[in-house]
Amino acid sequence: MSPADPRVDRTRSKVIAAVHGLFRTEGPAAVTFGRVSRETGVSRTTLYRHWAGPSELVADAWSRLVPPEQPPATDDLRADLVESFRRVRDAVESATMRRSLPTFLAAALDDEVIAGLHAAFVRDRRQPIVDRLDRARDAGDIAPDADADLLVDMLSGPLFYRQMLRHEPTTDEHLAALVDAVLVVARDARGGRGRRVR
């Protein structure tokens, strides 16, 4: 495999940074190759060499906003969930995400490239948390019939609701209270006989 060309890396980084700037100020709809070329000085020919079209560039830039991370996996399930969803909260409340998420979701309805990226984006960031809850269930830390997928919905939904509909931040205290409330459900899924969650 030939070594990466640092000039290519610099070009791609410059373009992605410009697209993130457009996300923050105008939203994904502003991302055209003409606009990006004017913002960066990178020719359209070069842009087409790296991305098949604006949708692919938008998808690439969006995927870099919140890189997938492996959630913490300590012996303290509550602490792991609080830390994982603190990262989700910080991403949801970032200026770039606040500005771009509604238009990105709208674009995903009509653009197959963006729709595919959106599905992969959600899956790659959600599945590790589902896996952490599955391990907790196997260890007896939550009820054996607790639905890990539903628990993730219960934890993530309020963060987006508060930001996108109520336009209110989720404080660390609110976040901890949310995790505690969901863990009550997780313990009581079999009538309260689950082992106490630390």
C-alpha atoms as a PDB file:
ATOM      1  CA  MET A   1       0.000   0.000   0.000  1.00  0.00           C
ATOM      2  CA  SER A   2       1.427   3.381  -0.993  1.00  0.00           C
ATOM      3  CA  PRO A   3       1.889   5.921   1.810  1.00  0.00           C
ATOM      4  CA  ALA A   4      -0.742   8.624   2.205  1.00  0.00           C
ATOM      5  CA  ASP A   5       0.002  11.873   0.420  1.00  0.00           C
ATOM      6  CA  PRO A   6       0.050  14.666   3.043  1.00  0.00           C
ATOM      7  CA  ARG A   7      -1.120  17.138   0.398  1.00  0.00           C
ATOM      8  CA  VAL A   8      -4.248  15.067  -0.137  1.00  0.00           C
ATOM      9  CA  ASP A   9      -4.849  14.920   3.612  1.00  0.00           C
ATOM     10  CA  ARG A  10      -4.474  18.704   3.870  1.00  0.00           C
ATOM     11  CA  THR A  11      -6.879  19.274   1.004  1.00  0.00           C
ATOM     12  CA  ARG A  12      -9.502  16.946   2.441  1.00  0.00           C
ATOM     13  CA  SER A  13      -9.126  18.490   5.912  1.00  0.00           C
ATOM     14  CA  LYS A  14      -9.520  22.011   4.488  1.00  0.00           C
ATOM     15  CA  VAL A  15     -12.653  20.998   2.607  1.00  0.00           C
ATOM     16  CA  ILE A  16     -14.203  19.188   5.568  1.00  0.00           C
ATOM     17  CA  ALA A  17     -13.496  22.191   7.829  1.00  0.00           C
ATOM     18  CA  ALA A  18     -15.208  24.487   5.322  1.00  0.00           C
ATOM     19  CA  VAL A  19     -18.228  22.196   5.120  1.00  0.00           C
ATOM     20  CA  HIS A  20     -18.490  22.112   8.911  1.00  0.00           C
ATOM     21  CA  GLY A  21     -18.434  25.909   8.832  1.00  0.00           C
ATOM     22  CA  LEU A  22     -21.326  25.920   6.373  1.00  0.00           C
ATOM     23  CA  PHE A  23     -23.188  23.438   8.572  1.00  0.00           C
ATOM     24  CA  ARG A  24     -22.876  25.869  11.497  1.00  0.00           C
ATOM     25  CA  THR A  25     -23.860  29.007   9.619  1.00  0.00           C
ATOM     26  CA  GLU A  26     -26.299  27.922   6.904  1.00  0.00           C
ATOM     27  CA  GLY A  27     -26.926  24.196   7.120  1.00  0.00           C
ATOM     28  CA  PRO A  28     -26.179  21.296   4.744  1.00  0.00           C
ATOM     29  CA  ALA A  29     -28.252  22.753   1.912  1.00  0.00           C
ATOM     30  CA  ALA A  30     -25.534  25.388   1.429  1.00  0.00           C
ATOM     31  CA  VAL A  31     -22.955  22.734   0.532  1.00  0.00           C
ATOM     32  CA  THR A  32     -22.415  22.780  -3.211  1.00  0.00           C
ATOM     33  CA  PHE A  33     -19.166  22.159  -5.009  1.00  0.00           C
ATOM     34  CA  GLY A  34     -19.264  25.698  -6.340  1.00  0.00           C
ATOM     35  CA  ARG A  35     -19.649  27.164  -2.859  1.00  0.00           C
ATOM     36  CA  VAL A  36     -17.009  24.908  -1.328  1.00  0.00           C
ATOM     37  CA  SER A  37     -14.599  25.705  -4.140  1.00  0.00           C
ATOM     38  CA  ARG A  38     -15.035  29.441  -3.503  1.00  0.00           C
ATOM     39  CA  GLU A  39     -14.630  28.994   0.260  1.00  0.00           C
ATOM     40  CA  THR A  40     -11.487  26.859   0.059  1.00  0.00           C
ATOM     41  CA  GLY A  41      -9.794  27.607  -3.264  1.00  0.00           C
ATOM     42  CA  VAL A  42      -9.967  23.892  -4.084  1.00  0.00           C
ATOM     43  CA  SER A  43     -11.093  23.362  -7.662  1.00  0.00           C
ATOM     44  CA  ARG A  44     -14.287  21.519  -8.510  1.00  0.00           C
ATOM     45  CA  THR A  45     -12.213  19.008 -10.446  1.00  0.00           C
ATOM     46  CA  THR A  46     -10.310  18.186  -7.266  1.00  0.00           C
ATOM     47  CA  LEU A  47     -13.517  17.968  -5.275  1.00  0.00           C
ATOM     48  CA  TYR A  48     -14.933  15.475  -7.770  1.00  0.00           C
ATOM     49  CA  ARG A  49     -11.715  13.482  -7.480  1.00  0.00           C
ATOM     50  CA  HIS A  50     -12.397  12.916  -3.776  1.00  0.00           C
ATOM     51  CA  TRP A  51     -16.210  12.905  -3.579  1.00  0.00           C
ATOM     52  CA  ALA A  52     -18.683  11.755  -6.225  1.00  0.00           C
ATOM     53  CA  GLY A  53     -20.925  14.734  -5.544  1.00  0.00           C
ATOM     54  CA  PRO A  54     -22.101  17.193  -2.887  1.00  0.00           C
ATOM     55  CA  SER A  55     -24.260  14.569  -1.159  1.00  0.00           C
ATOM     56  CA  GLU A  56     -21.247  12.334  -0.620  1.00  0.00           C
ATOM     57  CA  LEU A  57     -19.249  15.295   0.707  1.00  0.00           C
ATOM     58  CA  VAL A  58     -22.071  16.227   3.084  1.00  0.00           C
ATOM     59  CA  ALA A  59     -22.254  12.620   4.264  1.00  0.00           C
ATOM     60  CA  ASP A  60     -18.502  12.437   4.825  1.00  0.00           C
ATOM     61  CA  ALA A  61     -18.400  15.718   6.741  1.00  0.00           C
ATOM     62  CA  TRP A  62     -21.427  14.758   8.838  1.00  0.00           C
ATOM     63  CA  SER A  63     -19.883  11.432   9.822  1.00  0.00           C
ATOM     64  CA  ARG A  64     -16.872  13.297  11.236  1.00  0.00           C
ATOM     65  CA  LEU A  65     -18.922  15.557  13.501  1.00  0.00           C
ATOM     66  CA  VAL A  66     -19.275  12.871  16.144  1.00  0.00           C
ATOM     67  CA  PRO A  67     -16.738  10.104  15.597  1.00  0.00           C
ATOM     68  CA  PRO A  68     -17.948   6.735  16.927  1.00  0.00           C
ATOM     69  CA  GLU A  69     -16.521   5.907  20.323  1.00  0.00           C
ATOM     70  CA  GLN A  70     -16.436   2.806  22.449  1.00  0.00           C
ATOM     71  CA  PRO A  71     -18.396   3.654  25.598  1.00  0.00           C
ATOM     72  CA  PRO A  72     -16.764   3.089  28.960  1.00  0.00           C
ATOM     73  CA  ALA A  73     -17.076  -0.439  30.315  1.00  0.00           C
ATOM     74  CA  THR A  74     -16.284  -0.328  34.004  1.00  0.00           C
ATOM     75  CA  ASP A  75     -18.007  -2.229  36.805  1.00  0.00           C
ATOM     76  CA  ASP A  76     -20.264   0.809  37.387  1.00  0.00           C
ATOM     77  CA  LEU A  77     -23.115   0.680  34.872  1.00  0.00           C
ATOM     78  CA  ARG A  78     -24.633   3.968  36.019  1.00  0.00           C
ATOM     79  CA  ALA A  79     -21.347   5.833  35.628  1.00  0.00           C
ATOM     80  CA  ASP A  80     -20.800   4.279  32.202  1.00  0.00           C
ATOM     81  CA  LEU A  81     -24.240   5.395  31.000  1.00  0.00           C
ATOM     82  CA  VAL A  82     -23.863   8.889  32.417  1.00  0.00           C
ATOM     83  CA  GLU A  83     -20.522   9.294  30.628  1.00  0.00           C
ATOM     84  CA  SER A  84     -21.811   7.846  27.350  1.00  0.00           C
ATOM     85  CA  PHE A  85     -24.858  10.085  27.276  1.00  0.00           C
ATOM     86  CA  ARG A  86     -22.894  13.116  28.399  1.00  0.00           C
ATOM     87  CA  ARG A  87     -21.012  12.723  25.120  1.00  0.00           C
ATOM     88  CA  VAL A  88     -24.299  12.378  23.238  1.00  0.00           C
ATOM     89  CA  ARG A  89     -25.645  15.471  24.999  1.00  0.00           C
ATOM     90  CA  ASP A  90     -22.545  17.505  24.160  1.00  0.00           C
ATOM     91  CA  ALA A  91     -22.810  16.519  20.490  1.00  0.00           C
ATOM     92  CA  VAL A  92     -26.545  17.283  20.299  1.00  0.00           C
ATOM     93  CA  GLU A  93     -26.037  20.702  21.880  1.00  0.00           C
ATOM     94  CA  SER A  94     -23.031  21.714  19.767  1.00  0.00           C
ATOM     95  CA  ALA A  95     -23.545  24.708  17.484  1.00  0.00           C
ATOM     96  CA  THR A  96     -22.889  22.633  14.383  1.00  0.00           C
ATOM     97  CA  MET A  97     -25.382  19.930  15.317  1.00  0.00           C
ATOM     98  CA  ARG A  98     -28.076  22.400  16.389  1.00  0.00           C
ATOM     99  CA  ARG A  99     -27.863  24.169  13.062  1.00  0.00           C
ATOM    100  CA  SER A 100     -27.464  21.219  10.763  1.00  0.00           C
ATOM    101  CA  LEU A 101     -29.441  18.327  12.259  1.00  0.00           C
ATOM    102  CA  PRO A 102     -32.966  19.399  11.191  1.00  0.00           C
ATOM    103  CA  THR A 103     -31.950  20.056   7.581  1.00  0.00           C
ATOM    104  CA  PHE A 104     -29.794  16.943   7.506  1.00  0.00           C
ATOM    105  CA  LEU A 105     -32.744  14.809   8.588  1.00  0.00           C
ATOM    106  CA  ALA A 106     -34.943  16.478   5.982  1.00  0.00           C
ATOM    107  CA  ALA A 107     -32.340  15.829   3.280  1.00  0.00           C
ATOM    108  CA  ALA A 108     -32.170  12.159   4.282  1.00  0.00           C
ATOM    109  CA  LEU A 109     -35.801  11.755   3.245  1.00  0.00           C
ATOM    110  CA  ASP A 110     -34.996  12.500  -0.401  1.00  0.00           C
ATOM    111  CA  ASP A 111     -31.299  11.707  -0.865  1.00  0.00           C
ATOM    112  CA  GLU A 112     -30.254   8.046  -0.810  1.00  0.00           C
ATOM    113  CA  VAL A 113     -26.602   8.865  -0.091  1.00  0.00           C
ATOM    114  CA  ILE A 114     -27.457  10.993   2.925  1.00  0.00           C
ATOM    115  CA  ALA A 115     -30.123   8.519   4.059  1.00  0.00           C
ATOM    116  CA  GLY A 116     -27.568   5.703   4.016  1.00  0.00           C
ATOM    117  CA  LEU A 117     -25.060   7.805   5.906  1.00  0.00           C
ATOM    118  CA  HIS A 118     -27.679   8.749   8.487  1.00  0.00           C
ATOM    119  CA  ALA A 119     -28.574   5.101   9.086  1.00  0.00           C
ATOM    120  CA  ALA A 120     -24.908   4.132   9.477  1.00  0.00           C
ATOM    121  CA  PHE A 121     -24.216   7.177  11.680  1.00  0.00           C
ATOM    122  CA  VAL A 122     -26.974   6.227  14.106  1.00  0.00           C
ATOM    123  CA  ARG A 123     -26.127   2.510  14.072  1.00  0.00           C
ATOM    124  CA  ASP A 124     -22.396   2.972  14.677  1.00  0.00           C
ATOM    125  CA  ARG A 125     -22.939   5.262  17.670  1.00  0.00           C
ATOM    126  CA  ARG A 126     -25.920   3.455  19.142  1.00  0.00           C
ATOM    127  CA  GLN A 127     -24.838  -0.176  18.943  1.00  0.00           C
ATOM    128  CA  PRO A 128     -21.929   0.047  21.421  1.00  0.00           C
ATOM    129  CA  ILE A 129     -24.336   1.367  24.078  1.00  0.00           C
ATOM    130  CA  VAL A 130     -26.823  -1.402  23.310  1.00  0.00           C
ATOM    131  CA  ASP A 131     -23.947  -3.879  23.662  1.00  0.00           C
ATOM    132  CA  ARG A 132     -22.995  -2.363  27.052  1.00  0.00           C
ATOM    133  CA  LEU A 133     -26.557  -2.854  28.294  1.00  0.00           C
ATOM    134  CA  ASP A 134     -26.647  -6.393  26.909  1.00  0.00           C
ATOM    135  CA  ARG A 135     -23.533  -7.181  28.939  1.00  0.00           C
ATOM    136  CA  ALA A 136     -25.149  -5.650  32.013  1.00  0.00           C
ATOM    137  CA  ARG A 137     -28.193  -7.872  31.507  1.00  0.00           C
ATOM    138  CA  ASP A 138     -26.001 -10.956  31.125  1.00  0.00           C
ATOM    139  CA  ALA A 139     -24.193  -9.996  34.345  1.00  0.00           C
ATOM    140  CA  GLY A 140     -27.463  -9.638  36.240  1.00  0.00           C
ATOM    141  CA  ASP A 141     -27.110  -5.877  36.733  1.00  0.00           C
ATOM    142  CA  ILE A 142     -30.467  -5.271  35.037  1.00  0.00           C
ATOM    143  CA  ALA A 143     -33.477  -7.517  34.654  1.00  0.00           C
ATOM    144  CA  PRO A 144     -33.118 -10.484  32.263  1.00  0.00           C
ATOM    145  CA  ASP A 145     -36.060  -9.291  30.164  1.00  0.00           C
ATOM    146  CA  ALA A 146     -34.881  -5.672  29.949  1.00  0.00           C
ATOM    147  CA  ASP A 147     -34.891  -4.493  26.318  1.00  0.00           C
ATOM    148  CA  ALA A 148     -31.502  -2.831  25.721  1.00  0.00           C
ATOM    149  CA  ASP A 149     -32.645  -1.241  22.469  1.00  0.00           C
ATOM    150  CA  LEU A 150     -35.666   0.341  24.159  1.00  0.00           C
ATOM    151  CA  LEU A 151     -33.518   1.547  27.059  1.00  0.00           C
ATOM    152  CA  VAL A 152     -31.249   3.399  24.628  1.00  0.00           C
ATOM    153  CA  ASP A 153     -34.337   5.049  23.097  1.00  0.00           C
ATOM    154  CA  MET A 154     -35.453   6.106  26.570  1.00  0.00           C
ATOM    155  CA  LEU A 155     -32.050   7.621  27.331  1.00  0.00           C
ATOM    156  CA  SER A 156     -31.375   9.368  24.043  1.00  0.00           C
ATOM    157  CA  GLY A 157     -34.887  10.605  23.179  1.00  0.00           C
ATOM    158  CA  PRO A 158     -35.133  13.260  25.918  1.00  0.00           C
ATOM    159  CA  LEU A 159     -31.777  14.785  24.938  1.00  0.00           C
ATOM    160  CA  PHE A 160     -32.984  15.443  21.398  1.00  0.00           C
ATOM    161  CA  TYR A 161     -36.457  16.504  22.599  1.00  0.00           C
ATOM    162  CA  ARG A 162     -35.089  19.081  25.020  1.00  0.00           C
ATOM    163  CA  GLN A 163     -32.691  20.523  22.453  1.00  0.00           C
ATOM    164  CA  MET A 164     -34.768  20.434  19.269  1.00  0.00           C
ATOM    165  CA  LEU A 165     -38.285  21.093  20.596  1.00  0.00           C
ATOM    166  CA  ARG A 166     -37.868  22.848  23.940  1.00  0.00           C
ATOM    167  CA  HIS A 167     -34.575  24.563  23.043  1.00  0.00           C
ATOM    168  CA  GLU A 168     -33.296  23.901  26.540  1.00  0.00           C
ATOM    169  CA  PRO A 169     -29.964  22.403  27.556  1.00  0.00           C
ATOM    170  CA  THR A 170     -29.706  19.183  29.518  1.00  0.00           C
ATOM    171  CA  THR A 171     -27.592  19.823  32.589  1.00  0.00           C
ATOM    172  CA  ASP A 172     -25.372  17.200  34.170  1.00  0.00           C
ATOM    173  CA  GLU A 173     -27.942  16.960  36.968  1.00  0.00           C
ATOM    174  CA  HIS A 174     -30.787  16.365  34.502  1.00  0.00           C
ATOM    175  CA  LEU A 175     -28.704  13.774  32.714  1.00  0.00           C
ATOM    176  CA  ALA A 176     -27.902  11.873  35.901  1.00  0.00           C
ATOM    177  CA  ALA A 177     -31.580  11.953  36.917  1.00  0.00           C
ATOM    178  CA  LEU A 178     -32.557  10.585  33.494  1.00  0.00           C
ATOM    179  CA  VAL A 179     -30.099   7.699  33.790  1.00  0.00           C
ATOM    180  CA  ASP A 180     -31.366   6.931  37.293  1.00  0.00           C
ATOM    181  CA  ALA A 181     -34.989   6.894  36.103  1.00  0.00           C
ATOM    182  CA  VAL A 182     -34.226   4.582  33.187  1.00  0.00           C
ATOM    183  CA  LEU A 183     -32.238   2.242  35.406  1.00  0.00           C
ATOM    184  CA  VAL A 184     -35.287   1.899  37.663  1.00  0.00           C
ATOM    185  CA  VAL A 185     -37.174   0.651  34.607  1.00  0.00           C
ATOM    186  CA  ALA A 186     -34.268  -1.607  33.675  1.00  0.00           C
ATOM    187  CA  ARG A 187     -34.237  -3.180  37.131  1.00  0.00           C
ATOM    188  CA  ASP A 188     -38.007  -3.526  37.336  1.00  0.00           C
ATOM    189  CA  ALA A 189     -38.541  -5.076  33.918  1.00  0.00           C
ATOM    190  CA  ARG A 190     -39.202  -8.370  35.724  1.00  0.00           C
ATOM    191  CA  GLY A 191     -41.142  -6.898  38.610  1.00  0.00           C
ATOM    192  CA  GLY A 192     -38.324  -5.356  40.611  1.00  0.00           C
ATOM    193  CA  ARG A 193     -36.387  -8.549  41.252  1.00  0.00           C
ATOM    194  CA  GLY A 194     -33.269  -7.424  39.364  1.00  0.00           C
ATOM    195  CA  ARG A 195     -30.014  -6.980  41.239  1.00  0.00           C
ATOM    196  CA  ARG A 196     -29.394  -3.424  42.466  1.00  0.00           C
ATOM    197  CA  VAL A 197     -27.466  -1.391  39.873  1.00  0.00           C
ATOM    198  CA  ARG A 198     -24.362   0.318  41.161  1.00  0.00           C
END
